[in-house]
Amino acid sequence: MLHLEFNSDSENEGIARIVTAAYIMKFDPDMEEMDDIKTAVSEAVTNCIVHAYHPDGKISMDLSDQNGILRIEIKDQGIGIPDVKKAMEPMFTTKPEEERTGMGFSFMEAFMDQVEVISKQGEGTTVI
C-alpha cells in the first residue's frame, strides 16, 4: 500500500495523478486505462479541494493492490455531503455560482468499474 497526504491546494491534484500513474505501472495498463484512472483520481481530488474545505485542509490518498484489484481511496476531513445520492446525480453541484459542471462523480463512474462515496460531517471518502 502507498499512503500520500497533501494540502488541499489545486496544484496538488497533479501530484496525485503522477503518484497514481507510477503506482499502477505494476498492473501494466494500456494508455486508455492509465488515462481513465488518472482522470478519476483528478475528479476525486478536485472534489475534495473544491467542496470539502473552507478554505483549506488535508487530503489523503491510499493506493493498494487487493488480490490483483487496484483500490484507490481518497479522503478528506471536510464539511461532508448532506445527500450523497443527490450529489451523484449528473449536473448537481454545491457551487453553481462558480460555474461548476456537477459532473465529477459521473466522470468517476464512467471511467471506473466501481465508485463508492461515503460522507459525513468531518469525513469524506471516495473509493475508486
N, C-alpha and C. Protein backbone atom coordinates (compact mmCIF):
# COMPACT_ATOMS: atom_id res chain seq x y z
N MET A 1 0.85 -1.19 0.00
CA MET A 1 0.00 0.00 0.00
C MET A 1 0.89 1.24 0.00
N LEU A 2 0.41 2.27 -0.66
CA LEU A 2 1.07 3.56 -0.69
C LEU A 2 0.13 4.58 -0.07
N HIS A 3 0.64 5.37 0.86
CA HIS A 3 -0.15 6.42 1.51
C HIS A 3 0.48 7.77 1.18
N LEU A 4 -0.36 8.72 0.77
CA LEU A 4 0.09 10.06 0.46
C LEU A 4 -0.86 11.04 1.12
N GLU A 5 -0.32 12.07 1.77
CA GLU A 5 -1.14 13.11 2.36
C GLU A 5 -0.64 14.45 1.85
N PHE A 6 -1.57 15.33 1.47
CA PHE A 6 -1.18 16.61 0.90
C PHE A 6 -2.21 17.67 1.24
N ASN A 7 -1.80 18.93 1.13
CA ASN A 7 -2.70 20.05 1.36
C ASN A 7 -3.73 20.12 0.24
N SER A 8 -4.88 20.66 0.56
CA SER A 8 -5.96 20.76 -0.43
C SER A 8 -5.77 21.99 -1.33
N ASP A 9 -4.62 22.03 -1.97
CA ASP A 9 -4.30 23.08 -2.93
C ASP A 9 -4.45 22.50 -4.34
N SER A 10 -4.94 23.30 -5.26
CA SER A 10 -5.23 22.80 -6.60
C SER A 10 -3.99 22.23 -7.31
N GLU A 11 -2.80 22.76 -7.04
CA GLU A 11 -1.61 22.22 -7.70
C GLU A 11 -1.29 20.80 -7.26
N ASN A 12 -1.82 20.36 -6.13
CA ASN A 12 -1.56 19.00 -5.65
C ASN A 12 -2.37 17.94 -6.38
N GLU A 13 -3.38 18.35 -7.14
CA GLU A 13 -4.13 17.41 -7.95
C GLU A 13 -3.21 16.72 -8.96
N GLY A 14 -2.29 17.48 -9.52
CA GLY A 14 -1.33 16.92 -10.47
C GLY A 14 -0.39 15.92 -9.82
N ILE A 15 0.00 16.20 -8.59
CA ILE A 15 0.86 15.27 -7.85
C ILE A 15 0.13 13.95 -7.62
N ALA A 16 -1.15 14.03 -7.27
CA ALA A 16 -1.95 12.81 -7.06
C ALA A 16 -2.01 11.98 -8.34
N ARG A 17 -2.16 12.62 -9.49
CA ARG A 17 -2.20 11.92 -10.78
C ARG A 17 -0.87 11.22 -11.07
N ILE A 18 0.24 11.93 -10.83
CA ILE A 18 1.56 11.37 -11.13
C ILE A 18 1.87 10.19 -10.23
N VAL A 19 1.57 10.32 -8.94
CA VAL A 19 1.82 9.22 -8.00
C VAL A 19 0.97 8.01 -8.38
N THR A 20 -0.28 8.25 -8.75
CA THR A 20 -1.16 7.16 -9.17
C THR A 20 -0.61 6.47 -10.41
N ALA A 21 -0.19 7.25 -11.39
CA ALA A 21 0.35 6.68 -12.63
C ALA A 21 1.56 5.80 -12.34
N ALA A 22 2.44 6.27 -11.46
CA ALA A 22 3.63 5.47 -11.12
C ALA A 22 3.23 4.18 -10.41
N TYR A 23 2.29 4.26 -9.49
CA TYR A 23 1.87 3.09 -8.72
C TYR A 23 1.23 2.01 -9.61
N ILE A 24 0.38 2.43 -10.55
CA ILE A 24 -0.36 1.45 -11.34
C ILE A 24 0.46 0.82 -12.46
N MET A 25 1.68 1.26 -12.65
CA MET A 25 2.52 0.66 -13.69
C MET A 25 2.70 -0.84 -13.49
N LYS A 26 2.64 -1.31 -12.24
CA LYS A 26 2.81 -2.74 -11.99
C LYS A 26 1.64 -3.57 -12.54
N PHE A 27 0.52 -2.91 -12.86
CA PHE A 27 -0.62 -3.59 -13.46
C PHE A 27 -0.50 -3.65 -14.98
N ASP A 28 0.53 -3.00 -15.53
CA ASP A 28 0.78 -2.95 -16.97
C ASP A 28 -0.45 -2.45 -17.74
N PRO A 29 -0.96 -1.26 -17.37
CA PRO A 29 -2.15 -0.75 -18.05
C PRO A 29 -1.82 -0.24 -19.44
N ASP A 30 -2.82 -0.27 -20.33
CA ASP A 30 -2.62 0.39 -21.62
C ASP A 30 -2.89 1.89 -21.41
N MET A 31 -2.67 2.68 -22.43
CA MET A 31 -2.79 4.13 -22.30
C MET A 31 -4.21 4.57 -21.94
N GLU A 32 -5.20 3.90 -22.50
CA GLU A 32 -6.59 4.25 -22.19
C GLU A 32 -6.91 3.98 -20.72
N GLU A 33 -6.49 2.82 -20.21
CA GLU A 33 -6.71 2.51 -18.79
C GLU A 33 -5.99 3.51 -17.90
N MET A 34 -4.75 3.85 -18.26
CA MET A 34 -3.98 4.82 -17.48
C MET A 34 -4.70 6.16 -17.44
N ASP A 35 -5.15 6.63 -18.60
CA ASP A 35 -5.86 7.91 -18.66
C ASP A 35 -7.16 7.88 -17.86
N ASP A 36 -7.90 6.79 -17.94
CA ASP A 36 -9.16 6.67 -17.20
C ASP A 36 -8.92 6.76 -15.70
N ILE A 37 -7.92 6.05 -15.21
CA ILE A 37 -7.63 6.04 -13.78
C ILE A 37 -7.16 7.42 -13.33
N LYS A 38 -6.28 8.03 -14.09
CA LYS A 38 -5.79 9.36 -13.72
C LYS A 38 -6.93 10.39 -13.74
N THR A 39 -7.85 10.27 -14.68
CA THR A 39 -8.99 11.18 -14.73
C THR A 39 -9.88 11.01 -13.50
N ALA A 40 -10.15 9.77 -13.13
CA ALA A 40 -10.98 9.51 -11.94
C ALA A 40 -10.32 10.07 -10.68
N VAL A 41 -9.00 9.88 -10.56
CA VAL A 41 -8.27 10.42 -9.40
C VAL A 41 -8.36 11.94 -9.40
N SER A 42 -8.18 12.56 -10.56
CA SER A 42 -8.27 14.02 -10.66
C SER A 42 -9.62 14.51 -10.18
N GLU A 43 -10.68 13.86 -10.62
CA GLU A 43 -12.03 14.27 -10.23
C GLU A 43 -12.24 14.12 -8.72
N ALA A 44 -11.78 13.01 -8.15
CA ALA A 44 -11.96 12.80 -6.72
C ALA A 44 -11.19 13.83 -5.91
N VAL A 45 -9.94 14.08 -6.27
CA VAL A 45 -9.13 15.05 -5.55
C VAL A 45 -9.69 16.46 -5.73
N THR A 46 -10.09 16.79 -6.95
CA THR A 46 -10.66 18.11 -7.20
C THR A 46 -11.94 18.31 -6.40
N ASN A 47 -12.78 17.28 -6.30
CA ASN A 47 -13.98 17.38 -5.47
C ASN A 47 -13.62 17.71 -4.02
N CYS A 48 -12.59 17.08 -3.50
CA CYS A 48 -12.15 17.36 -2.13
C CYS A 48 -11.69 18.81 -2.02
N ILE A 49 -10.89 19.26 -2.96
CA ILE A 49 -10.35 20.62 -2.91
C ILE A 49 -11.47 21.66 -3.01
N VAL A 50 -12.38 21.47 -3.94
CA VAL A 50 -13.42 22.47 -4.20
C VAL A 50 -14.53 22.44 -3.16
N HIS A 51 -14.95 21.26 -2.74
CA HIS A 51 -16.16 21.15 -1.94
C HIS A 51 -15.95 20.86 -0.46
N ALA A 52 -14.82 20.29 -0.07
CA ALA A 52 -14.69 19.82 1.30
C ALA A 52 -14.23 20.88 2.29
N TYR A 53 -13.49 21.86 1.83
CA TYR A 53 -12.83 22.76 2.76
C TYR A 53 -13.16 24.21 2.53
N HIS A 54 -13.21 24.91 3.64
CA HIS A 54 -13.38 26.37 3.64
C HIS A 54 -12.38 26.93 4.64
N PRO A 55 -11.19 27.40 4.30
CA PRO A 55 -10.64 27.44 2.96
C PRO A 55 -9.71 26.28 2.63
N ASP A 56 -9.10 25.62 3.61
CA ASP A 56 -8.12 24.59 3.24
C ASP A 56 -8.09 23.46 4.27
N GLY A 57 -7.40 22.39 3.92
CA GLY A 57 -7.29 21.23 4.79
C GLY A 57 -6.34 20.21 4.19
N LYS A 58 -6.45 18.99 4.65
CA LYS A 58 -5.60 17.90 4.20
C LYS A 58 -6.43 16.87 3.44
N ILE A 59 -5.80 16.27 2.44
CA ILE A 59 -6.39 15.18 1.67
C ILE A 59 -5.42 14.01 1.76
N SER A 60 -5.94 12.81 1.94
CA SER A 60 -5.07 11.64 1.93
C SER A 60 -5.52 10.71 0.81
N MET A 61 -4.54 10.00 0.27
CA MET A 61 -4.80 9.06 -0.81
C MET A 61 -4.07 7.77 -0.49
N ASP A 62 -4.79 6.66 -0.52
CA ASP A 62 -4.21 5.34 -0.32
C ASP A 62 -4.41 4.53 -1.59
N LEU A 63 -3.33 3.95 -2.09
CA LEU A 63 -3.38 3.08 -3.26
C LEU A 63 -2.96 1.71 -2.81
N SER A 64 -3.72 0.70 -3.19
CA SER A 64 -3.37 -0.66 -2.77
C SER A 64 -3.78 -1.67 -3.84
N ASP A 65 -3.16 -2.81 -3.74
CA ASP A 65 -3.43 -3.94 -4.63
C ASP A 65 -4.04 -5.02 -3.75
N GLN A 66 -5.34 -5.23 -3.90
CA GLN A 66 -6.04 -6.23 -3.10
C GLN A 66 -6.45 -7.36 -4.02
N ASN A 67 -5.69 -8.47 -3.94
CA ASN A 67 -5.94 -9.65 -4.79
C ASN A 67 -5.96 -9.29 -6.27
N GLY A 68 -5.01 -8.47 -6.69
CA GLY A 68 -4.90 -8.10 -8.09
C GLY A 68 -5.87 -7.02 -8.53
N ILE A 69 -6.59 -6.44 -7.59
CA ILE A 69 -7.55 -5.37 -7.90
C ILE A 69 -7.01 -4.07 -7.31
N LEU A 70 -6.91 -3.06 -8.16
CA LEU A 70 -6.44 -1.75 -7.73
C LEU A 70 -7.53 -1.07 -6.91
N ARG A 71 -7.15 -0.57 -5.74
CA ARG A 71 -8.08 0.18 -4.89
C ARG A 71 -7.44 1.54 -4.62
N ILE A 72 -8.18 2.58 -4.91
CA ILE A 72 -7.72 3.94 -4.65
C ILE A 72 -8.74 4.58 -3.72
N GLU A 73 -8.27 5.03 -2.57
CA GLU A 73 -9.15 5.64 -1.58
C GLU A 73 -8.65 7.05 -1.32
N ILE A 74 -9.54 8.02 -1.53
CA ILE A 74 -9.20 9.42 -1.35
C ILE A 74 -10.11 9.98 -0.25
N LYS A 75 -9.47 10.56 0.78
CA LYS A 75 -10.22 11.01 1.95
C LYS A 75 -9.95 12.48 2.25
N ASP A 76 -10.96 13.12 2.80
CA ASP A 76 -10.80 14.46 3.33
C ASP A 76 -11.50 14.52 4.69
N GLN A 77 -11.24 15.55 5.42
CA GLN A 77 -11.89 15.77 6.70
C GLN A 77 -12.73 17.04 6.63
N GLY A 78 -13.39 17.23 5.51
CA GLY A 78 -14.12 18.46 5.23
C GLY A 78 -15.53 18.49 5.77
N ILE A 79 -16.38 19.26 5.10
CA ILE A 79 -17.72 19.56 5.60
C ILE A 79 -18.74 18.45 5.36
N GLY A 80 -18.41 17.48 4.54
CA GLY A 80 -19.34 16.38 4.26
C GLY A 80 -20.35 16.73 3.18
N ILE A 81 -21.04 15.70 2.71
CA ILE A 81 -22.09 15.85 1.70
C ILE A 81 -23.41 15.47 2.35
N PRO A 82 -24.33 16.41 2.48
CA PRO A 82 -25.59 16.09 3.15
C PRO A 82 -26.39 14.96 2.49
N ASP A 83 -26.39 14.90 1.16
CA ASP A 83 -27.17 13.91 0.44
C ASP A 83 -26.29 13.31 -0.67
N VAL A 84 -25.61 12.20 -0.37
CA VAL A 84 -24.69 11.58 -1.32
C VAL A 84 -25.43 11.15 -2.59
N LYS A 85 -26.62 10.59 -2.43
CA LYS A 85 -27.38 10.14 -3.60
C LYS A 85 -27.65 11.30 -4.55
N LYS A 86 -28.04 12.44 -4.02
CA LYS A 86 -28.30 13.63 -4.83
C LYS A 86 -27.00 14.12 -5.47
N ALA A 87 -25.91 14.10 -4.72
CA ALA A 87 -24.61 14.56 -5.23
C ALA A 87 -24.09 13.69 -6.38
N MET A 88 -24.52 12.45 -6.45
CA MET A 88 -24.09 11.54 -7.51
C MET A 88 -24.83 11.78 -8.82
N GLU A 89 -25.90 12.59 -8.78
CA GLU A 89 -26.67 12.88 -9.99
C GLU A 89 -25.87 13.82 -10.90
N PRO A 90 -25.87 13.55 -12.22
CA PRO A 90 -25.19 14.46 -13.14
C PRO A 90 -25.75 15.87 -13.03
N MET A 91 -24.87 16.85 -13.11
CA MET A 91 -25.17 18.27 -13.08
C MET A 91 -25.43 18.83 -11.68
N PHE A 92 -25.44 18.00 -10.64
CA PHE A 92 -25.61 18.52 -9.29
C PHE A 92 -24.30 19.16 -8.84
N THR A 93 -24.37 20.34 -8.28
CA THR A 93 -23.19 20.99 -7.73
C THR A 93 -23.57 21.81 -6.51
N THR A 94 -22.65 21.91 -5.58
CA THR A 94 -22.87 22.73 -4.40
C THR A 94 -22.41 24.16 -4.64
N LYS A 95 -21.79 24.40 -5.80
CA LYS A 95 -21.25 25.73 -6.09
C LYS A 95 -21.63 26.22 -7.49
N PRO A 96 -22.93 26.39 -7.76
CA PRO A 96 -23.34 26.83 -9.10
C PRO A 96 -22.83 28.23 -9.44
N GLU A 97 -22.59 29.05 -8.43
CA GLU A 97 -22.09 30.40 -8.69
C GLU A 97 -20.67 30.40 -9.27
N GLU A 98 -19.97 29.28 -9.14
CA GLU A 98 -18.62 29.16 -9.68
C GLU A 98 -18.61 28.41 -11.01
N GLU A 99 -19.77 28.26 -11.62
CA GLU A 99 -19.90 27.59 -12.92
C GLU A 99 -19.33 26.18 -12.91
N ARG A 100 -19.58 25.45 -11.86
CA ARG A 100 -19.17 24.05 -11.77
C ARG A 100 -20.11 23.21 -12.60
N THR A 101 -19.60 22.15 -13.23
CA THR A 101 -20.45 21.33 -14.10
C THR A 101 -21.28 20.32 -13.33
N GLY A 102 -20.82 19.91 -12.17
CA GLY A 102 -21.53 18.88 -11.43
C GLY A 102 -21.38 17.50 -12.05
N MET A 103 -20.28 17.28 -12.73
CA MET A 103 -20.07 16.01 -13.42
C MET A 103 -18.97 15.16 -12.79
N GLY A 104 -18.39 15.59 -11.67
CA GLY A 104 -17.27 14.88 -11.06
C GLY A 104 -17.54 13.42 -10.77
N PHE A 105 -18.61 13.13 -10.05
CA PHE A 105 -18.92 11.74 -9.72
C PHE A 105 -19.31 10.96 -10.97
N SER A 106 -20.01 11.62 -11.90
CA SER A 106 -20.39 10.95 -13.15
C SER A 106 -19.16 10.55 -13.94
N PHE A 107 -18.15 11.43 -13.99
CA PHE A 107 -16.90 11.08 -14.68
C PHE A 107 -16.23 9.89 -14.02
N MET A 108 -16.17 9.91 -12.69
CA MET A 108 -15.54 8.79 -11.98
C MET A 108 -16.26 7.48 -12.29
N GLU A 109 -17.58 7.50 -12.25
CA GLU A 109 -18.35 6.29 -12.54
C GLU A 109 -18.15 5.82 -13.98
N ALA A 110 -18.00 6.75 -14.92
CA ALA A 110 -17.81 6.39 -16.32
C ALA A 110 -16.47 5.70 -16.54
N PHE A 111 -15.45 6.07 -15.78
CA PHE A 111 -14.10 5.56 -16.01
C PHE A 111 -13.73 4.36 -15.14
N MET A 112 -14.42 4.13 -14.05
CA MET A 112 -14.04 3.08 -13.12
C MET A 112 -15.08 1.98 -13.05
N ASP A 113 -14.66 0.79 -12.66
CA ASP A 113 -15.59 -0.33 -12.51
C ASP A 113 -16.53 -0.10 -11.34
N GLN A 114 -16.04 0.55 -10.30
CA GLN A 114 -16.85 0.78 -9.10
C GLN A 114 -16.43 2.08 -8.45
N VAL A 115 -17.40 2.87 -8.00
CA VAL A 115 -17.15 4.09 -7.25
C VAL A 115 -18.04 4.06 -6.03
N GLU A 116 -17.45 4.33 -4.88
CA GLU A 116 -18.20 4.38 -3.64
C GLU A 116 -17.88 5.69 -2.95
N VAL A 117 -18.91 6.43 -2.54
CA VAL A 117 -18.71 7.70 -1.85
C VAL A 117 -19.34 7.58 -0.48
N ILE A 118 -18.55 7.87 0.53
CA ILE A 118 -19.01 7.84 1.91
C ILE A 118 -18.81 9.24 2.47
N SER A 119 -19.83 9.84 3.03
CA SER A 119 -19.69 11.20 3.51
C SER A 119 -20.48 11.42 4.78
N LYS A 120 -19.83 12.11 5.70
CA LYS A 120 -20.50 12.61 6.89
C LYS A 120 -19.71 13.82 7.34
N GLN A 121 -20.26 14.62 8.22
CA GLN A 121 -19.57 15.82 8.69
C GLN A 121 -18.19 15.46 9.20
N GLY A 122 -17.17 16.09 8.63
CA GLY A 122 -15.80 15.89 9.10
C GLY A 122 -15.09 14.71 8.48
N GLU A 123 -15.73 13.99 7.56
CA GLU A 123 -15.05 12.85 6.92
C GLU A 123 -15.73 12.52 5.60
N GLY A 124 -14.94 12.54 4.55
CA GLY A 124 -15.45 12.14 3.24
C GLY A 124 -14.48 11.18 2.62
N THR A 125 -14.99 10.13 2.01
CA THR A 125 -14.13 9.13 1.37
C THR A 125 -14.71 8.79 0.00
N THR A 126 -13.85 8.80 -0.99
CA THR A 126 -14.21 8.33 -2.31
C THR A 126 -13.31 7.15 -2.63
N VAL A 127 -13.90 6.01 -2.93
CA VAL A 127 -13.14 4.82 -3.29
C VAL A 127 -13.40 4.53 -4.76
N ILE A 128 -12.31 4.44 -5.54
CA ILE A 128 -12.47 4.15 -6.96
C ILE A 128 -11.66 2.93 -7.33
